[in-house]
């Protein structure tokens, strides 16, 4: 009888140990999945920031185009956050931007032209986290039948992208 009780006690102890290990593994797996699913998509966040900067530069160029009497080229100047030694603004960057007759940055109407617009407006490499940003041109007549709807799409190989409507100067938000 003692042997039977000892065997039952060992079996009960063994099953309790198995249950404890299974609960521990389940909690660890749940914790890993929770952390993995809730980590921010850094590429999407970076693309959103670039889209905001693109939008700001496009509108700055438009207002400068208006103020200068609607020239074909405007020189977009960026300034440092602090004043220089002589208490004057310090220009950090100057870049020429070719403007359409409607006052928006323009280039040839193809994917290479969209890449040129990116370089004029943002002046940053077309790369996010080691992945190349792809510039694509979509003709408005093929999209909606209206030439006004031509867009440049800036995207990663998969996932998020944003669009720039060439004729209207609109930067459409990042989409998945």
Protein backbone atom coordinates (compact mmCIF):
# COMPACT_ATOMS: atom_id res chain seq x y z
CA UNK A 1 0.00 0.00 0.00
CA UNK A 2 2.89 2.33 0.80
CA UNK A 3 4.42 1.67 -2.62
CA UNK A 4 1.12 2.51 -4.32
CA UNK A 5 0.81 5.80 -2.39
CA UNK A 6 4.41 6.69 -3.25
CA UNK A 7 3.76 5.97 -6.94
CA UNK A 8 0.58 8.06 -6.90
CA UNK A 9 2.46 10.90 -5.18
CA UNK A 10 5.22 10.79 -7.83
CA UNK A 11 2.65 10.80 -10.63
CA UNK A 12 0.78 13.73 -9.06
CA UNK A 13 4.07 15.63 -8.63
CA UNK A 14 5.02 14.85 -12.24
CA UNK A 15 1.67 16.17 -13.58
CA UNK A 16 1.90 19.30 -11.46
CA UNK A 17 5.38 19.96 -12.85
CA UNK A 18 4.09 19.48 -16.42
CA UNK A 19 1.21 21.90 -15.76
CA UNK A 20 3.59 24.50 -14.28
CA UNK A 21 5.91 24.22 -17.32
CA UNK A 22 2.96 24.49 -19.74
CA UNK A 23 1.60 27.60 -17.97
CA UNK A 24 5.08 29.17 -18.01
CA UNK A 25 5.55 28.41 -21.73
CA UNK A 26 2.06 29.77 -22.49
CA UNK A 27 2.74 33.00 -20.61
CA UNK A 28 6.10 33.45 -22.35
CA UNK A 29 4.54 32.82 -25.77
CA UNK A 30 1.74 35.29 -25.03
CA UNK A 31 4.25 37.89 -23.85
CA UNK A 32 6.39 37.47 -26.99
CA UNK A 33 3.36 37.75 -29.28
CA UNK A 34 2.11 40.82 -27.41
CA UNK A 35 5.44 42.61 -27.73
CA UNK A 36 5.87 41.61 -31.36
CA UNK A 37 2.40 42.80 -32.42
CA UNK A 38 2.56 46.09 -30.52
CA UNK A 39 5.94 47.27 -31.76
CA UNK A 40 5.57 50.32 -33.98
CA UNK A 41 6.08 49.98 -37.73
CA UNK A 42 9.17 52.17 -37.98
CA UNK A 43 9.18 52.18 -41.78
CA UNK A 44 5.59 53.44 -41.86
CA UNK A 45 6.33 56.11 -39.23
CA UNK A 46 9.40 57.25 -41.19
CA UNK A 47 7.39 57.39 -44.42
CA UNK A 48 4.70 59.44 -42.63
CA UNK A 49 7.35 61.94 -41.46
CA UNK A 50 8.77 62.14 -44.98
CA UNK A 51 5.25 62.72 -46.37
CA UNK A 52 4.75 65.57 -43.87
CA UNK A 53 8.09 67.11 -44.87
CA UNK A 54 7.22 66.65 -48.55
CA UNK A 55 3.88 68.40 -48.02
CA UNK A 56 5.51 71.28 -46.11
CA UNK A 57 8.16 71.80 -48.79
CA UNK A 58 5.60 71.67 -51.61
CA UNK A 59 3.47 74.34 -49.94
CA UNK A 60 6.48 76.49 -49.02
CA UNK A 61 7.58 76.39 -52.66
CA UNK A 62 4.05 77.32 -53.77
CA UNK A 63 3.85 80.33 -51.46
CA UNK A 64 7.33 81.43 -52.46
CA UNK A 65 6.31 81.08 -56.12
CA UNK A 66 3.33 83.36 -55.42
CA UNK A 67 5.46 85.92 -53.54
CA UNK A 68 8.14 86.09 -56.23
CA UNK A 69 5.71 86.76 -59.05
CA UNK A 70 5.25 83.22 -60.35
CA UNK A 71 8.70 82.39 -61.79
CA UNK A 72 9.53 79.07 -63.46
CA UNK A 73 12.08 78.23 -60.77
CA UNK A 74 12.11 79.09 -57.07
CA UNK A 75 15.02 78.67 -54.71
CA UNK A 76 13.79 76.94 -51.57
CA UNK A 77 15.98 77.91 -48.61
CA UNK A 78 16.11 76.05 -45.29
CA UNK A 79 17.35 77.77 -42.15
CA UNK A 80 18.98 76.55 -38.95
CA UNK A 81 16.98 76.51 -35.70
CA UNK A 82 19.21 79.14 -34.11
CA UNK A 83 20.65 82.50 -35.07
CA UNK A 84 24.23 82.85 -36.24
CA UNK A 85 27.03 84.82 -34.57
CA UNK A 86 25.79 88.12 -36.01
CA UNK A 87 22.16 87.48 -34.89
CA UNK A 88 21.02 86.66 -38.42
CA UNK A 89 19.31 83.58 -39.77
CA UNK A 90 21.72 80.94 -41.03
CA UNK A 91 20.79 79.27 -44.32
CA UNK A 92 21.55 75.55 -44.17
CA UNK A 93 20.35 74.50 -47.60
CA UNK A 94 19.35 76.00 -50.94
CA UNK A 95 17.67 73.94 -53.61
CA UNK A 96 16.07 74.99 -56.90
CA UNK A 97 12.58 73.73 -57.60
CA UNK A 98 11.03 73.83 -61.07
CA UNK A 99 7.43 75.03 -60.87
CA UNK A 100 4.40 74.39 -63.08
CA UNK A 101 2.26 77.24 -64.38
CA UNK A 102 -0.14 76.38 -61.53
CA UNK A 103 2.61 76.86 -58.94
CA UNK A 104 3.47 73.32 -57.92
CA UNK A 105 6.77 71.44 -58.20
CA UNK A 106 7.00 69.68 -61.55
CA UNK A 107 9.19 67.49 -63.70
CA UNK A 108 8.75 65.09 -66.60
CA UNK A 109 5.64 62.97 -66.39
CA UNK A 110 7.23 59.60 -65.76
CA UNK A 111 8.74 57.68 -62.85
CA UNK A 112 12.12 59.36 -63.32
CA UNK A 113 10.34 62.73 -63.07
CA UNK A 114 8.71 61.66 -59.82
CA UNK A 115 12.14 60.74 -58.47
CA UNK A 116 13.42 64.18 -59.54
CA UNK A 117 10.53 65.87 -57.69
CA UNK A 118 11.45 63.90 -54.52
CA UNK A 119 15.05 65.09 -54.82
CA UNK A 120 14.04 68.73 -55.45
CA UNK A 121 11.47 68.88 -52.67
CA UNK A 122 13.03 66.75 -49.93
CA UNK A 123 16.70 66.51 -50.85
CA UNK A 124 17.11 63.29 -48.85
CA UNK A 125 18.08 59.86 -50.17
CA UNK A 126 15.21 57.69 -51.38
CA UNK A 127 15.83 55.11 -48.66
CA UNK A 128 14.11 54.12 -45.43
CA UNK A 129 15.75 51.73 -42.99
CA UNK A 130 17.89 50.24 -45.77
CA UNK A 131 14.92 49.83 -48.13
CA UNK A 132 14.72 51.83 -51.36
CA UNK A 133 11.76 54.16 -51.83
CA UNK A 134 10.28 53.55 -55.28
CA UNK A 135 8.85 56.48 -57.24
CA UNK A 136 6.08 55.61 -59.70
CA UNK A 137 4.10 57.80 -62.06
CA UNK A 138 0.40 57.09 -62.64
CA UNK A 139 -1.30 58.93 -65.48
CA UNK A 140 -4.62 60.45 -64.46
CA UNK A 141 -6.42 59.47 -67.66
CA UNK A 142 -5.72 55.80 -66.95
CA UNK A 143 -6.69 56.09 -63.27
CA UNK A 144 -9.90 58.13 -63.40
CA UNK A 145 -10.17 59.46 -66.95
CA UNK A 146 -9.12 62.94 -65.75
CA UNK A 147 -5.62 64.23 -66.48
CA UNK A 148 -5.84 66.37 -63.31
CA UNK A 149 -5.55 63.18 -61.26
CA UNK A 150 -2.00 62.23 -62.34
CA UNK A 151 0.04 61.22 -59.29
CA UNK A 152 3.51 60.30 -58.20
CA UNK A 153 3.43 57.43 -55.74
CA UNK A 154 6.30 57.00 -53.33
CA UNK A 155 6.34 53.52 -51.81
CA UNK A 156 8.44 50.80 -50.30
CA UNK A 157 8.55 47.43 -52.07
CA UNK A 158 5.64 46.30 -49.88
CA UNK A 159 3.42 48.15 -47.48
CA UNK A 160 2.89 51.87 -47.02
CA UNK A 161 2.98 54.62 -49.64
CA UNK A 162 1.96 58.24 -50.15
CA UNK A 163 0.97 60.10 -53.30
CA UNK A 164 1.59 63.56 -54.71
CA UNK A 165 -1.02 64.94 -57.11
CA UNK A 166 1.04 66.80 -59.70
CA UNK A 167 -1.54 69.30 -60.96
CA UNK A 168 -3.09 70.10 -57.57
CA UNK A 169 -0.04 70.02 -55.30
CA UNK A 170 -1.79 67.70 -52.84
CA UNK A 171 0.14 65.18 -50.79
CA UNK A 172 -2.18 62.32 -49.93
CA UNK A 173 -1.64 60.62 -46.56
CA UNK A 174 0.31 57.41 -46.11
CA UNK A 175 -1.79 54.35 -46.95
CA UNK A 176 -1.04 50.68 -46.45
